[in-house]
């Protein structure tokens, strides 16, 4: 069963408009989830809002949003007042500007979505925009209203379709200098030793190799509970010990991993970012992972 689109609307470039759909590129449906039950009856339970002062249950029709203006003082805002807020880009993503993908710092990338034409009529215009972006090796910047919030988005070619990634606002991103405090240059001999380890362990990116040990342990727990067997105990790896002599530790790492390899080639430092996938050629790159999703 195909996933339901998270948004439907129009993609607009100058006078060209096409109907499109936005679908989540990631899913949490495969993860183990639990319901809360009444231990005595085995029935599911439901949450009920209680008045913080009287302790009385609250009826759904009596619930209302409140914005705190002062301590214990709230401004009531009705749902229809929120719904009445109309933002110009509610149903249209207008391509306002274009940027080199490498210019977009990865820290601003938030949630990925697949963008596809909504009908046959829209496929030609959609394909023209996709292929033009791929040939120019550029990405488009637009704005999208998703879950009532307007968000800046990055749009880039992705196989036969396009990928839309919501972007974080500048105020939501902490400055690295406020967190990272590192002085001095690393010792060249230590860097060379690390490069040898990198060269030996270099491989192609393959997300299929990533495993979730906690999810696997939950699956084993459920399976053993079904058969009433004792659940297996998953032992956590001991924390690494403090490194006393970094160079000795690196030499031991090289010796443990095998014969020394040539140092990894030092490439030019690239700006954070990714290169757009060429439309329709080869297997598309994997969708960027979800970071925490915020509506």
C-alpha atoms as a PDB file:
ATOM      1  CA  UNK A   1       0.000   0.000   0.000  1.00  0.00           C
ATOM      2  CA  UNK A   2       1.459   3.325  -1.117  1.00  0.00           C
ATOM      3  CA  UNK A   3       1.978   5.903   1.655  1.00  0.00           C
ATOM      4  CA  UNK A   4      -0.396   8.840   1.757  1.00  0.00           C
ATOM      5  CA  UNK A   5       1.024  12.197   0.632  1.00  0.00           C
ATOM      6  CA  UNK A   6       1.876  14.601   3.443  1.00  0.00           C
ATOM      7  CA  UNK A   7       1.023  17.578   1.229  1.00  0.00           C
ATOM      8  CA  UNK A   8      -0.609  18.283  -2.131  1.00  0.00           C
ATOM      9  CA  UNK A   9      -0.264  21.490  -4.093  1.00  0.00           C
ATOM     10  CA  UNK A  10       1.584  23.126  -6.960  1.00  0.00           C
ATOM     11  CA  UNK A  11       5.188  23.656  -7.992  1.00  0.00           C
ATOM     12  CA  UNK A  12       5.646  26.997  -9.723  1.00  0.00           C
ATOM     13  CA  UNK A  13       8.546  28.387 -11.752  1.00  0.00           C
ATOM     14  CA  UNK A  14       7.793  31.744 -13.378  1.00  0.00           C
ATOM     15  CA  UNK A  15       4.697  31.042 -15.508  1.00  0.00           C
ATOM     16  CA  UNK A  16       5.100  27.244 -15.377  1.00  0.00           C
ATOM     17  CA  UNK A  17       2.948  25.427 -12.807  1.00  0.00           C
ATOM     18  CA  UNK A  18       2.419  21.713 -12.186  1.00  0.00           C
ATOM     19  CA  UNK A  19       0.471  19.731  -9.605  1.00  0.00           C
ATOM     20  CA  UNK A  20       2.716  17.823  -7.174  1.00  0.00           C
ATOM     21  CA  UNK A  21       2.584  15.609  -4.099  1.00  0.00           C
ATOM     22  CA  UNK A  22       4.944  15.469  -1.148  1.00  0.00           C
ATOM     23  CA  UNK A  23       5.500  12.111   0.582  1.00  0.00           C
ATOM     24  CA  UNK A  24       7.630  11.313   3.631  1.00  0.00           C
ATOM     25  CA  UNK A  25      10.967   9.848   2.578  1.00  0.00           C
ATOM     26  CA  UNK A  26      11.430   8.103   5.930  1.00  0.00           C
ATOM     27  CA  UNK A  27       9.191   5.869   8.004  1.00  0.00           C
ATOM     28  CA  UNK A  28       8.933   4.696  11.609  1.00  0.00           C
ATOM     29  CA  UNK A  29       6.298   2.035  10.937  1.00  0.00           C
ATOM     30  CA  UNK A  30       8.815  -0.809  11.182  1.00  0.00           C
ATOM     31  CA  UNK A  31       9.775   0.077  14.737  1.00  0.00           C
ATOM     32  CA  UNK A  32       8.296  -1.815  17.666  1.00  0.00           C
ATOM     33  CA  UNK A  33       5.599   0.212  19.400  1.00  0.00           C
ATOM     34  CA  UNK A  34       3.630  -0.522  22.569  1.00  0.00           C
ATOM     35  CA  UNK A  35       0.137   0.296  23.773  1.00  0.00           C
ATOM     36  CA  UNK A  36      -0.582   1.102  27.412  1.00  0.00           C
ATOM     37  CA  UNK A  37      -2.963  -1.453  28.948  1.00  0.00           C
ATOM     38  CA  UNK A  38      -4.844  -1.923  32.189  1.00  0.00           C
ATOM     39  CA  UNK A  39      -2.940  -4.769  33.861  1.00  0.00           C
ATOM     40  CA  UNK A  40      -6.118  -6.031  35.573  1.00  0.00           C
ATOM     41  CA  UNK A  41      -8.460  -6.110  32.543  1.00  0.00           C
ATOM     42  CA  UNK A  42      -6.044  -6.208  29.618  1.00  0.00           C
ATOM     43  CA  UNK A  43      -7.949  -3.313  28.036  1.00  0.00           C
ATOM     44  CA  UNK A  44      -6.244  -0.363  26.369  1.00  0.00           C
ATOM     45  CA  UNK A  45      -6.306   2.891  28.307  1.00  0.00           C
ATOM     46  CA  UNK A  46      -6.830   6.416  27.012  1.00  0.00           C
ATOM     47  CA  UNK A  47      -5.499   9.714  28.230  1.00  0.00           C
ATOM     48  CA  UNK A  48      -7.895  12.222  29.768  1.00  0.00           C
ATOM     49  CA  UNK A  49      -7.102  15.867  30.438  1.00  0.00           C
ATOM     50  CA  UNK A  50      -7.754  16.939  34.011  1.00  0.00           C
ATOM     51  CA  UNK A  51      -8.278  20.476  35.271  1.00  0.00           C
ATOM     52  CA  UNK A  52      -5.039  21.316  37.100  1.00  0.00           C
ATOM     53  CA  UNK A  53      -6.929  23.041  39.932  1.00  0.00           C
ATOM     54  CA  UNK A  54     -10.157  21.064  40.374  1.00  0.00           C
ATOM     55  CA  UNK A  55      -8.862  17.671  39.210  1.00  0.00           C
ATOM     56  CA  UNK A  56     -12.065  17.217  37.183  1.00  0.00           C
ATOM     57  CA  UNK A  57     -11.940  15.479  33.748  1.00  0.00           C
ATOM     58  CA  UNK A  58     -12.216  17.890  30.835  1.00  0.00           C
ATOM     59  CA  UNK A  59     -14.637  17.386  27.941  1.00  0.00           C
ATOM     60  CA  UNK A  60     -13.151  17.698  24.461  1.00  0.00           C
ATOM     61  CA  UNK A  61     -15.395  20.655  23.581  1.00  0.00           C
ATOM     62  CA  UNK A  62     -14.035  22.546  26.610  1.00  0.00           C
ATOM     63  CA  UNK A  63     -10.411  22.269  25.489  1.00  0.00           C
ATOM     64  CA  UNK A  64      -8.873  25.471  24.104  1.00  0.00           C
ATOM     65  CA  UNK A  65      -5.349  26.663  23.343  1.00  0.00           C
ATOM     66  CA  UNK A  66      -3.886  29.329  25.589  1.00  0.00           C
ATOM     67  CA  UNK A  67      -0.845  31.585  25.156  1.00  0.00           C
ATOM     68  CA  UNK A  68       0.746  32.594  28.459  1.00  0.00           C
ATOM     69  CA  UNK A  69       0.996  36.396  28.643  1.00  0.00           C
ATOM     70  CA  UNK A  70       1.968  36.553  32.325  1.00  0.00           C
ATOM     71  CA  UNK A  71       2.320  34.103  35.199  1.00  0.00           C
ATOM     72  CA  UNK A  72      -0.914  32.064  35.276  1.00  0.00           C
ATOM     73  CA  UNK A  73      -2.540  34.450  32.785  1.00  0.00           C
ATOM     74  CA  UNK A  74      -3.439  33.167  29.334  1.00  0.00           C
ATOM     75  CA  UNK A  75      -4.774  34.538  26.075  1.00  0.00           C
ATOM     76  CA  UNK A  76      -7.324  32.080  24.650  1.00  0.00           C
ATOM     77  CA  UNK A  77      -6.962  31.275  20.931  1.00  0.00           C
ATOM     78  CA  UNK A  78      -9.682  29.290  19.152  1.00  0.00           C
ATOM     79  CA  UNK A  79      -8.946  26.650  16.497  1.00  0.00           C
ATOM     80  CA  UNK A  80     -10.986  28.512  13.851  1.00  0.00           C
ATOM     81  CA  UNK A  81      -8.867  31.621  14.473  1.00  0.00           C
ATOM     82  CA  UNK A  82      -5.729  29.607  13.771  1.00  0.00           C
ATOM     83  CA  UNK A  83      -7.306  28.009  10.688  1.00  0.00           C
ATOM     84  CA  UNK A  84      -8.229  31.467   9.415  1.00  0.00           C
ATOM     85  CA  UNK A  85      -4.559  32.410   9.118  1.00  0.00           C
ATOM     86  CA  UNK A  86      -3.861  32.224   5.394  1.00  0.00           C
ATOM     87  CA  UNK A  87      -0.256  32.203   4.215  1.00  0.00           C
ATOM     88  CA  UNK A  88       0.308  32.976   0.550  1.00  0.00           C
ATOM     89  CA  UNK A  89       2.369  29.837  -0.071  1.00  0.00           C
ATOM     90  CA  UNK A  90      -0.151  27.490   1.584  1.00  0.00           C
ATOM     91  CA  UNK A  91      -0.818  25.499  -1.604  1.00  0.00           C
ATOM     92  CA  UNK A  92       2.086  26.536  -3.840  1.00  0.00           C
ATOM     93  CA  UNK A  93       5.849  26.046  -3.749  1.00  0.00           C
ATOM     94  CA  UNK A  94       7.325  28.868  -5.812  1.00  0.00           C
ATOM     95  CA  UNK A  95      10.924  28.424  -6.908  1.00  0.00           C
ATOM     96  CA  UNK A  96      12.286  31.835  -5.942  1.00  0.00           C
ATOM     97  CA  UNK A  97      16.038  31.270  -6.198  1.00  0.00           C
ATOM     98  CA  UNK A  98      18.662  28.680  -7.047  1.00  0.00           C
ATOM     99  CA  UNK A  99      21.866  27.767  -5.235  1.00  0.00           C
ATOM    100  CA  UNK A 100      24.796  25.433  -5.614  1.00  0.00           C
ATOM    101  CA  UNK A 101      24.061  22.464  -3.379  1.00  0.00           C
ATOM    102  CA  UNK A 102      27.555  22.615  -1.871  1.00  0.00           C
ATOM    103  CA  UNK A 103      26.732  26.085  -0.539  1.00  0.00           C
ATOM    104  CA  UNK A 104      24.044  24.675   1.778  1.00  0.00           C
ATOM    105  CA  UNK A 105      25.545  23.764   5.140  1.00  0.00           C
ATOM    106  CA  UNK A 106      24.313  20.304   6.175  1.00  0.00           C
ATOM    107  CA  UNK A 107      23.422  21.560   9.645  1.00  0.00           C
ATOM    108  CA  UNK A 108      20.448  23.387   8.121  1.00  0.00           C
ATOM    109  CA  UNK A 109      19.008  20.220   6.503  1.00  0.00           C
ATOM    110  CA  UNK A 110      16.028  18.878   8.426  1.00  0.00           C
ATOM    111  CA  UNK A 111      13.426  16.430   7.046  1.00  0.00           C
ATOM    112  CA  UNK A 112      13.445  14.814   3.560  1.00  0.00           C
ATOM    113  CA  UNK A 113      10.357  14.263   1.384  1.00  0.00           C
ATOM    114  CA  UNK A 114       9.870  12.790  -2.071  1.00  0.00           C
ATOM    115  CA  UNK A 115       8.327  15.174  -4.599  1.00  0.00           C
ATOM    116  CA  UNK A 116       6.360  13.638  -7.491  1.00  0.00           C
ATOM    117  CA  UNK A 117       3.905  14.894 -10.133  1.00  0.00           C
ATOM    118  CA  UNK A 118       0.301  14.512  -8.996  1.00  0.00           C
ATOM    119  CA  UNK A 119      -1.062  13.566 -12.425  1.00  0.00           C
ATOM    120  CA  UNK A 120      -0.057  12.741 -16.008  1.00  0.00           C
ATOM    121  CA  UNK A 121      -0.651  16.297 -17.197  1.00  0.00           C
ATOM    122  CA  UNK A 122       1.968  17.601 -14.771  1.00  0.00           C
ATOM    123  CA  UNK A 123       4.712  15.131 -15.692  1.00  0.00           C
ATOM    124  CA  UNK A 124       6.127  17.147 -18.608  1.00  0.00           C
ATOM    125  CA  UNK A 125       6.594  20.387 -16.665  1.00  0.00           C
ATOM    126  CA  UNK A 126       7.842  18.465 -13.618  1.00  0.00           C
ATOM    127  CA  UNK A 127      10.411  16.595 -15.746  1.00  0.00           C
ATOM    128  CA  UNK A 128      11.626  19.794 -17.385  1.00  0.00           C
ATOM    129  CA  UNK A 129      12.313  21.449 -14.008  1.00  0.00           C
ATOM    130  CA  UNK A 130      13.972  18.293 -12.645  1.00  0.00           C
ATOM    131  CA  UNK A 131      16.269  17.808 -15.648  1.00  0.00           C
ATOM    132  CA  UNK A 132      17.209  21.500 -15.823  1.00  0.00           C
ATOM    133  CA  UNK A 133      18.259  21.418 -12.167  1.00  0.00           C
ATOM    134  CA  UNK A 134      20.281  18.249 -12.753  1.00  0.00           C
ATOM    135  CA  UNK A 135      22.095  19.660 -15.790  1.00  0.00           C
ATOM    136  CA  UNK A 136      22.847  22.933 -14.015  1.00  0.00           C
ATOM    137  CA  UNK A 137      23.860  21.012 -10.873  1.00  0.00           C
ATOM    138  CA  UNK A 138      21.773  23.393  -8.822  1.00  0.00           C
ATOM    139  CA  UNK A 139      19.087  23.178  -6.149  1.00  0.00           C
ATOM    140  CA  UNK A 140      16.024  25.390  -5.783  1.00  0.00           C
ATOM    141  CA  UNK A 141      14.966  27.315  -2.703  1.00  0.00           C
ATOM    142  CA  UNK A 142      11.238  27.660  -2.017  1.00  0.00           C
ATOM    143  CA  UNK A 143       8.815  28.011   0.879  1.00  0.00           C
ATOM    144  CA  UNK A 144       6.299  25.405   1.945  1.00  0.00           C
ATOM    145  CA  UNK A 145       3.465  25.477   4.468  1.00  0.00           C
ATOM    146  CA  UNK A 146       3.528  22.097   6.197  1.00  0.00           C
ATOM    147  CA  UNK A 147       1.507  21.313   9.312  1.00  0.00           C
ATOM    148  CA  UNK A 148       0.502  25.002   9.514  1.00  0.00           C
ATOM    149  CA  UNK A 149       4.112  26.200   9.629  1.00  0.00           C
ATOM    150  CA  UNK A 150       5.857  27.886   6.730  1.00  0.00           C
ATOM    151  CA  UNK A 151       9.272  26.408   6.154  1.00  0.00           C
ATOM    152  CA  UNK A 152      12.098  27.150   3.722  1.00  0.00           C
ATOM    153  CA  UNK A 153      12.879  24.069   1.628  1.00  0.00           C
ATOM    154  CA  UNK A 154      15.642  22.839  -0.656  1.00  0.00           C
ATOM    155  CA  UNK A 155      14.486  21.108  -3.856  1.00  0.00           C
ATOM    156  CA  UNK A 156      16.876  18.951  -5.874  1.00  0.00           C
ATOM    157  CA  UNK A 157      16.750  16.220  -8.545  1.00  0.00           C
ATOM    158  CA  UNK A 158      16.530  12.681  -7.192  1.00  0.00           C
ATOM    159  CA  UNK A 159      16.371   9.859  -9.706  1.00  0.00           C
ATOM    160  CA  UNK A 160      13.117  10.180 -11.675  1.00  0.00           C
ATOM    161  CA  UNK A 161      11.641  12.524  -9.092  1.00  0.00           C
ATOM    162  CA  UNK A 162      12.857  15.268  -6.809  1.00  0.00           C
ATOM    163  CA  UNK A 163      13.760  15.513  -3.155  1.00  0.00           C
ATOM    164  CA  UNK A 164      12.427  18.273  -0.934  1.00  0.00           C
ATOM    165  CA  UNK A 165      14.275  18.873   2.337  1.00  0.00           C
ATOM    166  CA  UNK A 166      12.910  21.264   4.926  1.00  0.00           C
ATOM    167  CA  UNK A 167      15.510  23.699   6.211  1.00  0.00           C
ATOM    168  CA  UNK A 168      16.034  24.910   9.749  1.00  0.00           C
ATOM    169  CA  UNK A 169      15.819  28.622  10.408  1.00  0.00           C
ATOM    170  CA  UNK A 170      19.064  30.368  11.294  1.00  0.00           C
ATOM    171  CA  UNK A 171      17.812  31.107  14.820  1.00  0.00           C
ATOM    172  CA  UNK A 172      17.308  27.369  15.396  1.00  0.00           C
ATOM    173  CA  UNK A 173      20.980  26.566  14.707  1.00  0.00           C
ATOM    174  CA  UNK A 174      23.624  27.132  17.375  1.00  0.00           C
ATOM    175  CA  UNK A 175      26.878  28.743  16.329  1.00  0.00           C
ATOM    176  CA  UNK A 176      29.709  26.197  16.319  1.00  0.00           C
ATOM    177  CA  UNK A 177      32.026  28.669  18.052  1.00  0.00           C
ATOM    178  CA  UNK A 178      29.659  28.699  21.019  1.00  0.00           C
ATOM    179  CA  UNK A 179      30.154  24.959  21.492  1.00  0.00           C
ATOM    180  CA  UNK A 180      33.458  23.934  19.883  1.00  0.00           C
ATOM    181  CA  UNK A 181      36.566  25.179  21.679  1.00  0.00           C
ATOM    182  CA  UNK A 182      39.621  23.505  20.144  1.00  0.00           C
ATOM    183  CA  UNK A 183      42.999  25.226  19.839  1.00  0.00           C
ATOM    184  CA  UNK A 184      46.195  24.260  18.082  1.00  0.00           C
ATOM    185  CA  UNK A 185      47.150  22.038  15.141  1.00  0.00           C
ATOM    186  CA  UNK A 186      47.352  18.252  15.377  1.00  0.00           C
ATOM    187  CA  UNK A 187      50.770  16.562  15.211  1.00  0.00           C
ATOM    188  CA  UNK A 188      51.601  15.553  11.608  1.00  0.00           C
ATOM    189  CA  UNK A 189      52.817  12.086  12.674  1.00  0.00           C
ATOM    190  CA  UNK A 190      49.543  11.422  14.482  1.00  0.00           C
ATOM    191  CA  UNK A 191      47.571  12.641  11.466  1.00  0.00           C
ATOM    192  CA  UNK A 192      49.498  10.272   9.188  1.00  0.00           C
ATOM    193  CA  UNK A 193      48.766   7.332  11.510  1.00  0.00           C
ATOM    194  CA  UNK A 194      45.054   8.181  11.512  1.00  0.00           C
ATOM    195  CA  UNK A 195      45.106   8.506   7.695  1.00  0.00           C
ATOM    196  CA  UNK A 196      46.479   4.953   7.425  1.00  0.00           C
ATOM    197  CA  UNK A 197      43.590   3.647   9.527  1.00  0.00           C
ATOM    198  CA  UNK A 198      41.125   5.634   7.376  1.00  0.00           C
ATOM    199  CA  UNK A 199      42.705   4.248   4.205  1.00  0.00           C
ATOM    200  CA  UNK A 200      42.378   0.672   5.471  1.00  0.00           C
ATOM    201  CA  UNK A 201      38.761   1.101   6.527  1.00  0.00           C
ATOM    202  CA  UNK A 202      37.550   3.075   3.496  1.00  0.00           C
ATOM    203  CA  UNK A 203      34.357   1.576   2.003  1.00  0.00           C
ATOM    204  CA  UNK A 204      31.328   2.569  -0.035  1.00  0.00           C
ATOM    205  CA  UNK A 205      28.404   4.025   1.881  1.00  0.00           C
ATOM    206  CA  UNK A 206      25.861   1.218   2.393  1.00  0.00           C
ATOM    207  CA  UNK A 207      22.922   1.981   4.719  1.00  0.00           C
ATOM    208  CA  UNK A 208      21.816  -1.670   4.443  1.00  0.00           C
ATOM    209  CA  UNK A 209      24.671  -2.522   6.818  1.00  0.00           C
ATOM    210  CA  UNK A 210      23.302  -0.301   9.571  1.00  0.00           C
ATOM    211  CA  UNK A 211      21.538  -2.287  12.282  1.00  0.00           C
ATOM    212  CA  UNK A 212      19.554  -1.194  15.307  1.00  0.00           C
ATOM    213  CA  UNK A 213      20.600  -3.484  18.205  1.00  0.00           C
ATOM    214  CA  UNK A 214      17.924  -2.087  20.523  1.00  0.00           C
ATOM    215  CA  UNK A 215      15.176  -2.775  17.963  1.00  0.00           C
ATOM    216  CA  UNK A 216      16.540  -6.291  17.461  1.00  0.00           C
ATOM    217  CA  UNK A 217      16.536  -6.841  21.218  1.00  0.00           C
ATOM    218  CA  UNK A 218      12.893  -5.702  21.412  1.00  0.00           C
ATOM    219  CA  UNK A 219      11.965  -8.155  18.647  1.00  0.00           C
ATOM    220  CA  UNK A 220      13.693 -10.988  20.547  1.00  0.00           C
ATOM    221  CA  UNK A 221      11.913  -9.940  23.728  1.00  0.00           C
ATOM    222  CA  UNK A 222       8.516 -10.097  22.010  1.00  0.00           C
ATOM    223  CA  UNK A 223       9.326 -13.438  20.385  1.00  0.00           C
ATOM    224  CA  UNK A 224      10.508 -14.969  23.659  1.00  0.00           C
ATOM    225  CA  UNK A 225       7.496 -13.558  25.522  1.00  0.00           C
ATOM    226  CA  UNK A 226       5.155 -15.172  23.007  1.00  0.00           C
ATOM    227  CA  UNK A 227       6.778 -18.535  23.675  1.00  0.00           C
ATOM    228  CA  UNK A 228       7.095 -17.754  27.391  1.00  0.00           C
ATOM    229  CA  UNK A 229      10.846 -18.215  27.315  1.00  0.00           C
ATOM    230  CA  UNK A 230      13.239 -16.049  29.248  1.00  0.00           C
ATOM    231  CA  UNK A 231      14.198 -12.983  27.242  1.00  0.00           C
ATOM    232  CA  UNK A 232      17.835 -12.847  26.112  1.00  0.00           C
ATOM    233  CA  UNK A 233      20.075 -10.411  27.961  1.00  0.00           C
ATOM    234  CA  UNK A 234      21.782  -7.911  25.698  1.00  0.00           C
ATOM    235  CA  UNK A 235      25.129  -6.932  27.150  1.00  0.00           C
ATOM    236  CA  UNK A 236      26.276  -3.393  26.516  1.00  0.00           C
ATOM    237  CA  UNK A 237      29.821  -2.843  25.323  1.00  0.00           C
ATOM    238  CA  UNK A 238      32.130  -1.511  28.064  1.00  0.00           C
ATOM    239  CA  UNK A 239      33.022   2.168  27.652  1.00  0.00           C
ATOM    240  CA  UNK A 240      36.434   2.776  26.030  1.00  0.00           C
ATOM    241  CA  UNK A 241      39.270   3.441  28.404  1.00  0.00           C
ATOM    242  CA  UNK A 242      41.010   6.815  28.493  1.00  0.00           C
ATOM    243  CA  UNK A 243      43.858   7.131  25.990  1.00  0.00           C
ATOM    244  CA  UNK A 244      47.097   7.820  27.821  1.00  0.00           C
ATOM    245  CA  UNK A 245      49.453   7.836  24.826  1.00  0.00           C
ATOM    246  CA  UNK A 246      47.627   8.638  21.593  1.00  0.00           C
ATOM    247  CA  UNK A 247      50.497   7.641  19.291  1.00  0.00           C
ATOM    248  CA  UNK A 248      50.912   4.225  21.001  1.00  0.00           C
ATOM    249  CA  UNK A 249      47.160   3.653  20.733  1.00  0.00           C
ATOM    250  CA  UNK A 250      47.206   4.462  17.016  1.00  0.00           C
ATOM    251  CA  UNK A 251      50.154   2.109  16.417  1.00  0.00           C
ATOM    252  CA  UNK A 252      48.294  -0.673  18.245  1.00  0.00           C
ATOM    253  CA  UNK A 253      45.224   0.036  16.091  1.00  0.00           C
ATOM    254  CA  UNK A 254      47.282  -0.285  12.922  1.00  0.00           C
ATOM    255  CA  UNK A 255      48.928  -3.497  14.159  1.00  0.00           C
ATOM    256  CA  UNK A 256      45.568  -5.014  15.191  1.00  0.00           C
ATOM    257  CA  UNK A 257      43.923  -4.210  11.858  1.00  0.00           C
ATOM    258  CA  UNK A 258      46.715  -5.749   9.793  1.00  0.00           C
ATOM    259  CA  UNK A 259      49.657  -4.675   7.672  1.00  0.00           C
ATOM    260  CA  UNK A 260      50.108  -0.961   7.174  1.00  0.00           C
ATOM    261  CA  UNK A 261      48.300   0.569   4.251  1.00  0.00           C
ATOM    262  CA  UNK A 262      49.139   3.686   2.303  1.00  0.00           C
ATOM    263  CA  UNK A 263      47.888   6.927   3.834  1.00  0.00           C
ATOM    264  CA  UNK A 264      44.498   8.062   2.543  1.00  0.00           C
ATOM    265  CA  UNK A 265      44.830  10.733  -0.114  1.00  0.00           C
ATOM    266  CA  UNK A 266      44.295  14.179   1.273  1.00  0.00           C
ATOM    267  CA  UNK A 267      41.644  15.944  -0.744  1.00  0.00           C
ATOM    268  CA  UNK A 268      40.745  19.583  -0.727  1.00  0.00           C
ATOM    269  CA  UNK A 269      38.407  20.586   2.041  1.00  0.00           C
ATOM    270  CA  UNK A 270      34.889  20.856   0.665  1.00  0.00           C
ATOM    271  CA  UNK A 271      32.098  22.968   1.965  1.00  0.00           C
ATOM    272  CA  UNK A 272      29.371  20.961   3.674  1.00  0.00           C
ATOM    273  CA  UNK A 273      26.703  19.869   1.234  1.00  0.00           C
ATOM    274  CA  UNK A 274      25.839  17.247  -1.325  1.00  0.00           C
ATOM    275  CA  UNK A 275      25.888  17.094  -5.090  1.00  0.00           C
ATOM    276  CA  UNK A 276      22.504  16.719  -6.801  1.00  0.00           C
ATOM    277  CA  UNK A 277      21.847  13.319  -8.346  1.00  0.00           C
ATOM    278  CA  UNK A 278      21.511  13.384 -12.120  1.00  0.00           C
ATOM    279  CA  UNK A 279      17.924  12.762 -13.105  1.00  0.00           C
ATOM    280  CA  UNK A 280      17.138   9.303 -14.396  1.00  0.00           C
ATOM    281  CA  UNK A 281      20.745   8.049 -14.303  1.00  0.00           C
ATOM    282  CA  UNK A 282      21.737   5.255 -11.987  1.00  0.00           C
ATOM    283  CA  UNK A 283      20.411   4.456  -8.571  1.00  0.00           C
ATOM    284  CA  UNK A 284      19.476   7.574  -6.596  1.00  0.00           C
ATOM    285  CA  UNK A 285      21.428   8.322  -3.472  1.00  0.00           C
ATOM    286  CA  UNK A 286      19.861   7.372  -0.172  1.00  0.00           C
ATOM    287  CA  UNK A 287      17.505   9.908   1.381  1.00  0.00           C
ATOM    288  CA  UNK A 288      19.055  11.909   4.148  1.00  0.00           C
ATOM    289  CA  UNK A 289      18.090  10.561   7.476  1.00  0.00           C
ATOM    290  CA  UNK A 290      15.860  12.050   9.811  1.00  0.00           C
ATOM    291  CA  UNK A 291      16.987  13.933  12.221  1.00  0.00           C
ATOM    292  CA  UNK A 292      14.525  14.846  14.679  1.00  0.00           C
ATOM    293  CA  UNK A 293      11.319  15.904  13.120  1.00  0.00           C
ATOM    294  CA  UNK A 294       9.612  18.911  14.349  1.00  0.00           C
ATOM    295  CA  UNK A 295       6.231  20.035  13.186  1.00  0.00           C
END
